Every structure is written in C-alpha cells, then in structure tokens.
C-alpha atoms as a PDB file:
ATOM      1  CA  MET A   1      -0.357   0.062   0.154  1.00  0.00           C
ATOM      2  CA  LYS A   2       2.733   2.254   0.767  1.00  0.00           C
ATOM      3  CA  ARG A   3       4.656   1.637  -2.706  1.00  0.00           C
ATOM      4  CA  LEU A   4       1.487   2.553  -4.428  1.00  0.00           C
ATOM      5  CA  GLN A   5       1.269   5.534  -2.680  1.00  0.00           C
ATOM      6  CA  PHE A   6       4.288   5.956  -3.724  1.00  0.00           C
ATOM      7  CA  ILE A   7       3.508   5.899  -7.345  1.00  0.00           C
ATOM      8  CA  LEU A   8       0.634   7.891  -7.351  1.00  0.00           C
ATOM      9  CA  LEU A   9       2.244  10.715  -5.782  1.00  0.00           C
ATOM     10  CA  PHE A  10       5.223  10.320  -7.904  1.00  0.00           C
ATOM     11  CA  VAL A  11       2.670   9.962 -10.825  1.00  0.00           C
ATOM     12  CA  ALA A  12       1.043  13.329 -10.085  1.00  0.00           C
ATOM     13  CA  ALA A  13       4.088  15.133  -9.682  1.00  0.00           C
ATOM     14  CA  LEU A  14       4.614  14.149 -13.337  1.00  0.00           C
ATOM     15  CA  LEU A  15       1.209  15.047 -14.603  1.00  0.00           C
ATOM     16  CA  LEU A  16       1.004  18.326 -12.365  1.00  0.00           C
ATOM     17  CA  THR A  17       4.976  19.130 -14.282  1.00  0.00           C
ATOM     18  CA  GLY A  18       3.772  18.663 -17.240  1.00  0.00           C
ATOM     19  CA  CYS A  19       1.395  21.106 -16.986  1.00  0.00           C
ATOM     20  CA  GLU A  20       3.390  23.857 -16.019  1.00  0.00           C
ATOM     21  CA  GLU A  21       2.455  26.981 -17.850  1.00  0.00           C
ATOM     22  CA  ASN A  22       3.803  30.805 -18.155  1.00  0.00           C
ATOM     23  CA  LEU A  23       1.774  33.161 -16.775  1.00  0.00           C
ATOM     24  CA  THR A  24       2.102  37.054 -17.257  1.00  0.00           C
ATOM     25  CA  LEU A  25      -0.216  39.030 -14.426  1.00  0.00           C
ATOM     26  CA  GLU A  26      -1.264  41.994 -15.518  1.00  0.00           C
ATOM     27  CA  ILE A  27      -1.072  44.396 -12.541  1.00  0.00           C
ATOM     28  CA  PRO A  28      -3.560  47.192 -13.071  1.00  0.00           C
ATOM     29  CA  GLU A  29      -1.859  50.726 -12.277  1.00  0.00           C
ATOM     30  CA  GLY A  30      -2.796  53.041  -9.628  1.00  0.00           C
ATOM     31  CA  GLU A  31      -4.164  56.120 -10.148  1.00  0.00           C
ATOM     32  CA  ALA A  32      -1.406  58.790 -10.735  1.00  0.00           C
ATOM     33  CA  LYS A  33      -1.104  61.433  -7.667  1.00  0.00           C
ATOM     34  CA  LEU A  34       0.409  64.389  -7.484  1.00  0.00           C
ATOM     35  CA  VAL A  35       3.971  64.447  -5.980  1.00  0.00           C
ATOM     36  CA  VAL A  36       5.411  67.413  -4.201  1.00  0.00           C
ATOM     37  CA  GLU A  37       8.717  68.389  -2.907  1.00  0.00           C
ATOM     38  CA  GLY A  38       9.246  72.008  -1.637  1.00  0.00           C
ATOM     39  CA  HIS A  39      10.908  73.848   0.825  1.00  0.00           C
ATOM     40  CA  ILE A  40      11.471  77.499   2.241  1.00  0.00           C
ATOM     41  CA  GLU A  41      14.249  78.520   4.651  1.00  0.00           C
ATOM     42  CA  GLN A  42      15.311  81.632   5.696  1.00  0.00           C
ATOM     43  CA  GLY A  43      16.333  84.591   3.394  1.00  0.00           C
ATOM     44  CA  ALA A  44      15.215  81.982   0.555  1.00  0.00           C
ATOM     45  CA  PRO A  45      12.215  82.039  -1.275  1.00  0.00           C
ATOM     46  CA  PRO A  46       9.428  78.902  -1.867  1.00  0.00           C
ATOM     47  CA  ILE A  47      10.963  76.056  -4.281  1.00  0.00           C
ATOM     48  CA  VAL A  48       7.948  73.829  -5.019  1.00  0.00           C
ATOM     49  CA  VAL A  49       8.539  71.116  -7.679  1.00  0.00           C
ATOM     50  CA  LEU A  50       5.319  69.211  -8.799  1.00  0.00           C
ATOM     51  CA  THR A  51       5.241  66.018 -10.577  1.00  0.00           C
ATOM     52  CA  ASN A  52       3.091  63.163 -11.069  1.00  0.00           C
ATOM     53  CA  SER A  53       3.622  59.655  -9.505  1.00  0.00           C
ATOM     54  CA  VAL A  54       4.924  57.332 -11.684  1.00  0.00           C
ATOM     55  CA  PRO A  55       4.389  53.238 -12.113  1.00  0.00           C
ATOM     56  CA  VAL A  56       6.357  50.892  -9.657  1.00  0.00           C
ATOM     57  CA  PHE A  57       7.305  48.781 -13.337  1.00  0.00           C
ATOM     58  CA  ALA A  58       7.222  51.994 -15.925  1.00  0.00           C
ATOM     59  CA  ASN A  59      10.377  52.130 -17.706  1.00  0.00           C
ATOM     60  CA  VAL A  60      11.978  55.016 -16.362  1.00  0.00           C
ATOM     61  CA  SER A  61      13.949  57.213 -18.862  1.00  0.00           C
ATOM     62  CA  ALA A  62      14.602  61.025 -19.382  1.00  0.00           C
ATOM     63  CA  GLU A  63      11.617  61.389 -21.268  1.00  0.00           C
ATOM     64  CA  THR A  64      10.138  60.248 -18.116  1.00  0.00           C
ATOM     65  CA  PHE A  65      11.174  62.471 -15.765  1.00  0.00           C
ATOM     66  CA  ARG A  66      10.693  65.130 -18.493  1.00  0.00           C
ATOM     67  CA  ASP A  67       6.934  64.052 -19.072  1.00  0.00           C
ATOM     68  CA  ALA A  68       6.538  64.150 -15.136  1.00  0.00           C
ATOM     69  CA  PHE A  69       6.662  67.928 -14.400  1.00  0.00           C
ATOM     70  CA  VAL A  70       3.259  69.234 -13.676  1.00  0.00           C
ATOM     71  CA  HIS A  71       2.369  72.738 -15.500  1.00  0.00           C
ATOM     72  CA  ASP A  72       0.586  75.126 -15.183  1.00  0.00           C
ATOM     73  CA  ALA A  73      -1.049  74.605 -11.435  1.00  0.00           C
ATOM     74  CA  GLN A  74      -2.003  77.260  -9.273  1.00  0.00           C
ATOM     75  CA  VAL A  75       0.279  77.476  -6.275  1.00  0.00           C
ATOM     76  CA  THR A  76       0.396  80.200  -3.419  1.00  0.00           C
ATOM     77  CA  VAL A  77       2.002  80.017  -0.448  1.00  0.00           C
ATOM     78  CA  SER A  78      -0.238  81.572   2.901  1.00  0.00           C
ATOM     79  CA  SER A  79       1.827  83.307   5.715  1.00  0.00           C
ATOM     80  CA  GLY A  80       1.360  85.937   8.115  1.00  0.00           C
ATOM     81  CA  GLY A  81      -2.478  86.496   6.708  1.00  0.00           C
ATOM     82  CA  GLN A  82      -0.855  87.417   3.249  1.00  0.00           C
ATOM     83  CA  VAL A  83      -0.847  84.935  -0.234  1.00  0.00           C
ATOM     84  CA  TYR A  84       1.384  84.380  -2.185  1.00  0.00           C
ATOM     85  CA  THR A  85       1.263  83.074  -5.925  1.00  0.00           C
ATOM     86  CA  LEU A  86       3.820  80.802  -6.816  1.00  0.00           C
ATOM     87  CA  ARG A  87       4.930  80.894 -10.886  1.00  0.00           C
ATOM     88  CA  GLU A  88       6.039  78.420 -12.681  1.00  0.00           C
ATOM     89  CA  VAL A  89       9.642  78.807 -14.102  1.00  0.00           C
ATOM     90  CA  SER A  90      11.505  76.789 -16.414  1.00  0.00           C
ATOM     91  CA  SER A  91      15.312  75.441 -16.026  1.00  0.00           C
ATOM     92  CA  ALA A  92      16.033  78.013 -19.441  1.00  0.00           C
ATOM     93  CA  ALA A  93      14.747  81.293 -17.600  1.00  0.00           C
ATOM     94  CA  PHE A  94      16.562  80.592 -14.177  1.00  0.00           C
ATOM     95  CA  SER A  95      18.506  83.728 -12.639  1.00  0.00           C
ATOM     96  CA  ASP A  96      21.505  83.545 -10.915  1.00  0.00           C
ATOM     97  CA  GLU A  97      20.050  83.326  -7.499  1.00  0.00           C
ATOM     98  CA  LEU A  98      17.314  80.718  -8.053  1.00  0.00           C
ATOM     99  CA  LYS A  99      19.866  78.717  -9.963  1.00  0.00           C
ATOM    100  CA  GLU A 100      22.046  78.403  -7.195  1.00  0.00           C
ATOM    101  CA  GLN A 101      18.812  77.661  -4.573  1.00  0.00           C
ATOM    102  CA  VAL A 102      17.586  74.884  -6.728  1.00  0.00           C
ATOM    103  CA  ALA A 103      21.035  73.376  -6.583  1.00  0.00           C
ATOM    104  CA  LEU A 104      20.798  73.684  -3.396  1.00  0.00           C
ATOM    105  CA  GLN A 105      17.932  72.504  -2.470  1.00  0.00           C
ATOM    106  CA  PHE A 106      17.875  69.470  -4.681  1.00  0.00           C
ATOM    107  CA  GLY A 107      21.885  68.490  -4.442  1.00  0.00           C
ATOM    108  CA  ILE A 108      22.318  68.651  -7.807  1.00  0.00           C
ATOM    109  CA  SER A 109      24.961  71.006  -9.781  1.00  0.00           C
ATOM    110  CA  GLU A 110      24.438  74.245 -11.025  1.00  0.00           C
ATOM    111  CA  SER A 111      25.835  73.348 -14.450  1.00  0.00           C
ATOM    112  CA  LEU A 112      22.410  71.047 -15.512  1.00  0.00           C
ATOM    113  CA  LEU A 113      20.264  73.641 -14.545  1.00  0.00           C
ATOM    114  CA  ASN A 114      22.388  76.293 -17.644  1.00  0.00           C
ATOM    115  CA  GLY A 115      19.848  74.859 -20.126  1.00  0.00           C
ATOM    116  CA  SER A 116      22.329  73.635 -22.071  1.00  0.00           C
ATOM    117  CA  ASN A 117      22.069  69.858 -21.161  1.00  0.00           C
ATOM    118  CA  GLY A 118      18.515  69.462 -23.279  1.00  0.00           C
ATOM    119  CA  PHE A 119      16.840  68.164 -19.954  1.00  0.00           C
ATOM    120  CA  PRO A 120      14.511  71.380 -18.422  1.00  0.00           C
ATOM    121  CA  PHE A 121      13.560  71.719 -14.846  1.00  0.00           C
ATOM    122  CA  TYR A 122      10.904  73.469 -13.768  1.00  0.00           C
ATOM    123  CA  VAL A 123      10.052  74.972 -10.330  1.00  0.00           C
ATOM    124  CA  TYR A 124       7.062  77.111  -8.506  1.00  0.00           C
ATOM    125  CA  THR A 125       8.229  79.884  -6.822  1.00  0.00           C
ATOM    126  CA  THR A 126       7.998  83.669  -6.072  1.00  0.00           C
ATOM    127  CA  ASP A 127      10.694  86.522  -5.464  1.00  0.00           C
ATOM    128  CA  ALA A 128       7.785  88.418  -3.009  1.00  0.00           C
ATOM    129  CA  LEU A 129       8.594  86.079  -0.227  1.00  0.00           C
ATOM    130  CA  LYS A 130      11.794  85.109   1.854  1.00  0.00           C
ATOM    131  CA  GLY A 131      11.260  82.589   4.543  1.00  0.00           C
ATOM    132  CA  THR A 132      11.589  83.789   8.268  1.00  0.00           C
ATOM    133  CA  VAL A 133      13.051  82.184  11.222  1.00  0.00           C
ATOM    134  CA  GLY A 134      10.069  81.246  13.621  1.00  0.00           C
ATOM    135  CA  ASN A 135       7.184  81.378  10.779  1.00  0.00           C
ATOM    136  CA  SER A 136       4.546  79.238   9.578  1.00  0.00           C
ATOM    137  CA  TYR A 137       3.878  78.919   5.780  1.00  0.00           C
ATOM    138  CA  ALA A 138       0.723  77.204   4.372  1.00  0.00           C
ATOM    139  CA  LEU A 139       1.108  75.828   0.644  1.00  0.00           C
ATOM    140  CA  ARG A 140      -1.754  75.304  -1.534  1.00  0.00           C
ATOM    141  CA  ILE A 141      -1.992  73.945  -5.098  1.00  0.00           C
ATOM    142  CA  SER A 142      -4.673  73.305  -7.339  1.00  0.00           C
ATOM    143  CA  HIS A 143      -4.803  71.174 -10.415  1.00  0.00           C
ATOM    144  CA  GLN A 144      -7.527  69.710 -13.149  1.00  0.00           C
ATOM    145  CA  GLY A 145      -9.747  69.721 -10.279  1.00  0.00           C
ATOM    146  CA  LYS A 146      -6.986  68.045  -7.645  1.00  0.00           C
ATOM    147  CA  VAL A 147      -6.618  70.574  -4.314  1.00  0.00           C
ATOM    148  CA  LEU A 148      -3.145  69.616  -2.360  1.00  0.00           C
ATOM    149  CA  THR A 149      -2.468  71.308   1.401  1.00  0.00           C
ATOM    150  CA  ALA A 150       0.037  71.170   3.635  1.00  0.00           C
ATOM    151  CA  SER A 151       2.033  73.368   6.363  1.00  0.00           C
ATOM    152  CA  THR A 152       5.465  73.671   8.126  1.00  0.00           C
ATOM    153  CA  THR A 153       7.318  75.991   9.778  1.00  0.00           C
ATOM    154  CA  ILE A 154      10.906  77.075   9.620  1.00  0.00           C
ATOM    155  CA  PRO A 155      12.384  76.213  13.303  1.00  0.00           C
ATOM    156  CA  HIS A 156      14.929  78.582  15.170  1.00  0.00           C
ATOM    157  CA  LEU A 157      18.576  77.831  14.818  1.00  0.00           C
ATOM    158  CA  ASN A 158      20.379  74.542  16.263  1.00  0.00           C
ATOM    159  CA  PRO A 159      23.975  75.183  15.398  1.00  0.00           C
ATOM    160  CA  ILE A 160      27.011  72.187  15.758  1.00  0.00           C
ATOM    161  CA  ASP A 161      29.199  73.186  18.606  1.00  0.00           C
ATOM    162  CA  SER A 162      32.021  72.092  16.597  1.00  0.00           C
ATOM    163  CA  LEU A 163      33.820  70.096  13.973  1.00  0.00           C
ATOM    164  CA  TRP A 164      37.088  68.329  14.125  1.00  0.00           C
ATOM    165  CA  THR A 165      38.464  64.770  12.070  1.00  0.00           C
ATOM    166  CA  LEU A 166      39.904  61.834  13.874  1.00  0.00           C
ATOM    167  CA  PRO A 167      42.107  59.199  11.482  1.00  0.00           C
ATOM    168  CA  HIS A 168      40.767  56.126   9.792  1.00  0.00           C
ATOM    169  CA  PRO A 169      41.150  53.589  11.897  1.00  0.00           C
ATOM    170  CA  LYS A 170      43.387  50.984   9.366  1.00  0.00           C
ATOM    171  CA  PRO A 171      46.922  52.930   9.329  1.00  0.00           C
ATOM    172  CA  GLU A 172      47.306  51.743   5.424  1.00  0.00           C
ATOM    173  CA  GLU A 173      44.510  54.596   4.844  1.00  0.00           C
ATOM    174  CA  ASP A 174      45.854  57.615   6.823  1.00  0.00           C
ATOM    175  CA  SER A 175      45.114  59.786   3.259  1.00  0.00           C
ATOM    176  CA  LEU A 176      41.347  59.855   4.743  1.00  0.00           C
ATOM    177  CA  ARG A 177      39.495  61.326   7.782  1.00  0.00           C
ATOM    178  CA  ILE A 178      36.400  60.614   9.808  1.00  0.00           C
ATOM    179  CA  LEU A 179      34.184  63.856   9.950  1.00  0.00           C
ATOM    180  CA  MET A 180      33.222  64.370  13.498  1.00  0.00           C
ATOM    181  CA  TYR A 181      30.567  67.030  14.908  1.00  0.00           C
ATOM    182  CA  LYS A 182      29.611  67.990  18.821  1.00  0.00           C
ATOM    183  CA  TYR A 183      26.083  69.320  18.941  1.00  0.00           C
ATOM    184  CA  ALA A 184      24.315  70.177  22.480  1.00  0.00           C
ATOM    185  CA  ASP A 185      20.126  69.701  22.037  1.00  0.00           C
ATOM    186  CA  PRO A 186      18.148  72.256  23.820  1.00  0.00           C
ATOM    187  CA  ASP A 187      15.768  71.098  26.704  1.00  0.00           C
ATOM    188  CA  THR A 188      12.970  71.348  24.933  1.00  0.00           C
ATOM    189  CA  LEU A 189      11.453  67.973  23.395  1.00  0.00           C
ATOM    190  CA  GLY A 190      11.443  67.855  19.596  1.00  0.00           C
ATOM    191  CA  ASN A 191      14.491  69.357  18.206  1.00  0.00           C
ATOM    192  CA  SER A 192      15.017  67.793  14.838  1.00  0.00           C
ATOM    193  CA  VAL A 193      17.614  67.883  11.985  1.00  0.00           C
ATOM    194  CA  ARG A 194      18.606  67.301   8.247  1.00  0.00           C
ATOM    195  CA  TYR A 195      22.126  67.561   7.402  1.00  0.00           C
ATOM    196  CA  PHE A 196      23.969  68.173   4.357  1.00  0.00           C
ATOM    197  CA  THR A 197      27.436  67.974   3.321  1.00  0.00           C
ATOM    198  CA  LYS A 198      29.748  69.680   0.741  1.00  0.00           C
ATOM    199  CA  ARG A 199      33.161  68.811  -0.343  1.00  0.00           C
ATOM    200  CA  ASN A 200      35.002  70.869  -1.960  1.00  0.00           C
ATOM    201  CA  GLN A 201      33.231  72.067  -4.945  1.00  0.00           C
ATOM    202  CA  GLU A 202      30.555  69.000  -5.191  1.00  0.00           C
ATOM    203  CA  PRO A 203      26.945  70.605  -4.637  1.00  0.00           C
ATOM    204  CA  PHE A 204      25.409  69.333  -1.425  1.00  0.00           C
ATOM    205  CA  TYR A 205      24.448  65.996  -0.848  1.00  0.00           C
ATOM    206  CA  PRO A 206      22.139  64.524   2.182  1.00  0.00           C
ATOM    207  CA  GLY A 207      23.169  62.073   3.982  1.00  0.00           C
ATOM    208  CA  LEU A 208      22.881  58.497   2.319  1.00  0.00           C
ATOM    209  CA  LEU A 209      21.750  56.126   5.230  1.00  0.00           C
ATOM    210  CA  GLY A 210      20.208  58.783   7.394  1.00  0.00           C
ATOM    211  CA  SER A 211      20.486  62.450   7.067  1.00  0.00           C
ATOM    212  CA  VAL A 212      18.192  63.853   9.424  1.00  0.00           C
ATOM    213  CA  PHE A 213      18.150  63.015  13.228  1.00  0.00           C
ATOM    214  CA  ASN A 214      15.945  63.837  16.175  1.00  0.00           C
ATOM    215  CA  ASP A 215      16.371  64.282  20.294  1.00  0.00           C
ATOM    216  CA  GLU A 216      13.806  61.768  21.213  1.00  0.00           C
ATOM    217  CA  LEU A 217      16.929  60.025  23.537  1.00  0.00           C
ATOM    218  CA  ILE A 218      19.012  62.716  23.875  1.00  0.00           C
ATOM    219  CA  ASN A 219      16.909  65.441  24.713  1.00  0.00           C
ATOM    220  CA  GLY A 220      18.866  68.701  26.573  1.00  0.00           C
ATOM    221  CA  GLY A 221      22.112  66.622  26.651  1.00  0.00           C
ATOM    222  CA  THR A 222      25.396  66.848  24.472  1.00  0.00           C
ATOM    223  CA  ILE A 223      26.283  64.436  21.747  1.00  0.00           C
ATOM    224  CA  THR A 224      30.005  63.428  20.333  1.00  0.00           C
ATOM    225  CA  PHE A 225      29.332  61.619  16.915  1.00  0.00           C
ATOM    226  CA  PRO A 226      30.870  61.069  13.047  1.00  0.00           C
ATOM    227  CA  LEU A 227      29.022  62.751  10.309  1.00  0.00           C
ATOM    228  CA  ASP A 228      29.424  60.764   7.096  1.00  0.00           C
ATOM    229  CA  ARG A 229      30.147  62.242   4.026  1.00  0.00           C
ATOM    230  CA  GLY A 230      26.508  62.883   1.964  1.00  0.00           C
ATOM    231  CA  GLU A 231      26.072  61.580  -1.470  1.00  0.00           C
ATOM    232  CA  PRO A 232      23.711  61.707  -4.010  1.00  0.00           C
ATOM    233  CA  ARG A 233      20.875  60.316  -4.466  1.00  0.00           C
ATOM    234  CA  GLY A 234      20.019  58.089  -6.741  1.00  0.00           C
ATOM    235  CA  GLN A 235      23.332  56.761  -7.649  1.00  0.00           C
ATOM    236  CA  ALA A 236      23.937  53.162  -8.421  1.00  0.00           C
ATOM    237  CA  GLU A 237      27.065  51.589  -6.051  1.00  0.00           C
ATOM    238  CA  ILE A 238      28.556  52.930  -2.669  1.00  0.00           C
ATOM    239  CA  ASN A 239      31.851  52.404  -2.292  1.00  0.00           C
ATOM    240  CA  GLN A 240      32.209  51.048   0.632  1.00  0.00           C
ATOM    241  CA  GLU A 241      35.569  51.369   1.270  1.00  0.00           C
ATOM    242  CA  LEU A 242      35.344  55.195   0.798  1.00  0.00           C
ATOM    243  CA  TYR A 243      31.689  55.494   1.591  1.00  0.00           C
ATOM    244  CA  GLY A 244      31.794  58.401   4.781  1.00  0.00           C
ATOM    245  CA  TYR A 245      35.088  59.325   4.574  1.00  0.00           C
ATOM    246  CA  PHE A 246      36.924  62.768   3.177  1.00  0.00           C
ATOM    247  CA  GLY A 247      40.000  63.494   2.318  1.00  0.00           C
ATOM    248  CA  LYS A 248      43.099  65.707   3.620  1.00  0.00           C
ATOM    249  CA  GLY A 249      43.277  68.756   2.156  1.00  0.00           C
ATOM    250  CA  ASP A 250      39.158  68.576   1.466  1.00  0.00           C
ATOM    251  CA  THR A 251      37.276  71.893   2.235  1.00  0.00           C
ATOM    252  CA  VAL A 252      34.238  70.587   3.987  1.00  0.00           C
ATOM    253  CA  THR A 253      31.033  72.323   4.812  1.00  0.00           C
ATOM    254  CA  VAL A 254      28.485  71.206   7.130  1.00  0.00           C
ATOM    255  CA  ARG A 255      24.696  72.449   5.877  1.00  0.00           C
ATOM    256  CA  TRP A 256      23.016  71.976   9.361  1.00  0.00           C
ATOM    257  CA  ALA A 257      18.987  72.464   9.028  1.00  0.00           C
ATOM    258  CA  ALA A 258      16.223  72.504  12.025  1.00  0.00           C
ATOM    259  CA  ILE A 259      13.139  70.812  10.946  1.00  0.00           C
ATOM    260  CA  ASP A 260       9.747  70.537  12.565  1.00  0.00           C
ATOM    261  CA  LEU A 261       8.566  66.997  13.429  1.00  0.00           C
ATOM    262  CA  PRO A 262       6.087  66.209  10.730  1.00  0.00           C
ATOM    263  CA  HIS A 263       9.236  67.517   8.143  1.00  0.00           C
ATOM    264  CA  PHE A 264      11.787  64.989   9.929  1.00  0.00           C
ATOM    265  CA  ARG A 265       9.022  61.629   9.478  1.00  0.00           C
ATOM    266  CA  PHE A 266       9.092  62.190   6.314  1.00  0.00           C
ATOM    267  CA  TRP A 267      12.483  61.684   5.554  1.00  0.00           C
ATOM    268  CA  SER A 268      13.263  59.773   8.339  1.00  0.00           C
ATOM    269  CA  THR A 269      10.268  56.767   6.638  1.00  0.00           C
ATOM    270  CA  LEU A 270      11.424  57.352   3.012  1.00  0.00           C
ATOM    271  CA  GLU A 271      15.387  56.373   3.640  1.00  0.00           C
ATOM    272  CA  SER A 272      13.967  53.637   6.102  1.00  0.00           C
ATOM    273  CA  GLU A 273      11.867  52.627   3.058  1.00  0.00           C
ATOM    274  CA  GLN A 274      15.247  52.585   0.487  1.00  0.00           C
ATOM    275  CA  ASN A 275      17.842  51.475   2.793  1.00  0.00           C
ATOM    276  CA  SER A 276      15.135  48.143   3.507  1.00  0.00           C
ATOM    277  CA  ASN A 277      14.438  48.100  -0.057  1.00  0.00           C
ATOM    278  CA  GLY A 278      14.891  44.289  -1.554  1.00  0.00           C
ATOM    279  CA  SER A 279      15.532  42.983   1.676  1.00  0.00           C
ATOM    280  CA  PRO A 280      13.690  39.535   2.797  1.00  0.00           C
ATOM    281  CA  ILE A 281      14.022  41.005   6.620  1.00  0.00           C
ATOM    282  CA  GLY A 282      13.252  44.714   6.386  1.00  0.00           C
ATOM    283  CA  SER A 283       9.621  45.877   7.940  1.00  0.00           C
ATOM    284  CA  PRO A 284       6.958  46.888   6.052  1.00  0.00           C
ATOM    285  CA  ASN A 285       7.457  50.894   5.837  1.00  0.00           C
ATOM    286  CA  THR A 286       4.801  54.075   4.796  1.00  0.00           C
ATOM    287  CA  THR A 287       6.453  57.070   3.845  1.00  0.00           C
ATOM    288  CA  ARG A 288       4.688  60.110   6.167  1.00  0.00           C
ATOM    289  CA  SER A 289       3.891  62.597   4.171  1.00  0.00           C
ATOM    290  CA  ASN A 290       2.732  65.788   5.134  1.00  0.00           C
ATOM    291  CA  ILE A 291       0.974  66.489   1.394  1.00  0.00           C
ATOM    292  CA  ASN A 292      -2.564  66.714   2.210  1.00  0.00           C
ATOM    293  CA  GLY A 293      -4.416  64.822  -0.717  1.00  0.00           C
ATOM    294  CA  GLY A 294      -1.130  64.155  -2.730  1.00  0.00           C
ATOM    295  CA  LEU A 295       2.539  62.850  -1.862  1.00  0.00           C
ATOM    296  CA  GLY A 296       5.318  64.189  -0.789  1.00  0.00           C
ATOM    297  CA  ILE A 297       6.708  66.924   1.187  1.00  0.00           C
ATOM    298  CA  TRP A 298       6.670  70.498   2.162  1.00  0.00           C
ATOM    299  CA  GLY A 299       9.117  71.427   4.734  1.00  0.00           C
ATOM    300  CA  GLY A 300      10.830  74.636   6.112  1.00  0.00           C
ATOM    301  CA  TYR A 301      14.551  74.891   6.953  1.00  0.00           C
ATOM    302  CA  GLY A 302      16.232  76.766   9.764  1.00  0.00           C
ATOM    303  CA  VAL A 303      19.980  76.586   7.922  1.00  0.00           C
ATOM    304  CA  THR A 304      23.379  77.041   9.702  1.00  0.00           C
ATOM    305  CA  TYR A 305      26.325  76.623   8.018  1.00  0.00           C
ATOM    306  CA  HIS A 306      29.839  75.017   9.467  1.00  0.00           C
ATOM    307  CA  ARG A 307      33.475  74.931   7.747  1.00  0.00           C
ATOM    308  CA  ILE A 308      36.831  72.711   8.248  1.00  0.00           C
ATOM    309  CA  ILE A 309      39.378  72.326   6.092  1.00  0.00           C
ATOM    310  CA  ILE A 310      40.888  68.868   6.222  1.00  0.00           C
ATOM    311  CA  LYS A 311      44.957  69.482   6.929  1.00  0.00           C
END
C-alpha cells in the first residue's frame, strides 16, 4: 500500500509538472497622484517641484522624468495673513540666484540647470516671499480639480558646536579622515535636524543612509558623533571603502538644518524604506508625507553652515 501511494504521488507530480504554463500577470496601474517636493528656508524664496507619480514597473528614462513635471498648476503660499502666488519657471529662465537655490535644495550641479543639456527642470516660486525663522507657511496647490494642502514652519536655528576630524581606523588609509561633530540639544523635546555636506566644489548632498536626527533619546544632552559624507541620491553603487570619509586637503561645509517633526518623519520613513528595499527581513514601511491629497513633502529649514579645512 505504501509503495502504491508513492507511485501515485510520483505520477501526480509528473502530471503537474507537465501542465506548467508561463503566466503573465497583468498588474493594473494605480491612480496617478501629484507629488510635491517643496522647501523654504530663512532668507530664501519658496521652491516647489510638482510632478506626477510614475508606476513602479514603468521603464524609467530621461523622457519619463521630463514628462512627469506638472505644468499650469495654481500654487500659493500663505504666511502672516498674506497670500503669495508662485509662478512656474523653467530652468532655461532661472536667474543666477534661483539656479543656486535649486541646486542647493535638490543636491544637483548648477551646470545641469543652464538649459544647454536638453533636460528642462521646472519649479514654482516667487521673489515676493523670503523665509523667516519662527514663521509658519501654508502651501495650497490646485490642478485639474485636485487640491493639495500642507503646512510647515522654519524652526529656530540649532547649530553644531564644533567640527574636527579623526584618522581612518586602518593605518594604511592615512589619506582618509572621519568627520566628527559635537552638538548640544536644547532642553525642549522635538528638536529635529537634517544635514548635508559639501566637499570642495561638489553640490550639497544629504547623508545617504540617514540624513535626519531628532532628540527623542538625547533631549537636553550633548553628543559627539561621526558625520558621514553626503552622497547624491539615486546613485547605482556605493564605494564601501570610501563611503562616509573625507580626504586630507578637503574643504568641507556642513549644511545643518533645523526641521519640524512632520518634516523629520517624512525623511526618516522615506530613508528607512529606501535602506530596506529588497531585504527579505525588512519591516513594512509607509512614508509619512505631510501633503494632504497627494504625496511628498513641504518643509521648512532653519539653516546654519559650518566649515572645516582638513589639513
């Protein structure tokens, strides 16, 4: 009887194997949503990039990014009882000041915004409004019957105390240095920070594995910690031997930006999702946007700059 059961199972397995077919699953595309990446900092105008979401399995190309920009939206920012209308501007028409601000906010080279590379970049902005520390800013976007809203603040400045460097732990890597910082957190819960680094003439890049911190564990305390060199977003590979380090002779500028809690939660959850992408043991994660009716972030920055020349 056992032998007969084995033969029957073997035959059934052969029959099932012989019936295999290649299945093509048609996954329906989700509804396209408006995606916002907008910022305002003290002394600078608001800058908002508005795009359509792209399907996860879409073939991504330069044309995909170019066609994703949303045009002719009605965009306003309200602050102090006054409403400011943002106009759409193409990179071909950027002023030198706007080009500098866009490159700063999005971590791209100014040379890519000169209009000669055939890839236009569009933002919504206004010269009538400049950010002020301590103020709140309400964003409203209307486009083809969709309305998006968000609000943010520019927190009070919260600078680093000091910067210095330490040698690489391997003596043979004596040309590389670890950037260290000392930071004293105010005695008020909820202080949050996002950092960027600039090496020599490179753009400002955010920390790759984690660019944001908050004071949940150190409220009112002082910490001394390494600060990884920022990296451009979207790069295919990371040089593991050089990641996080600076070199002797580098001029390093740290852009240290105080942010509010919704702004912190967006970048924290987004970076957590990116870092666990593809991991079989990664926890499910949802990026916590502060955009009502869409995706993305509208965030304020209270920025201080800190510079060190590595001898």
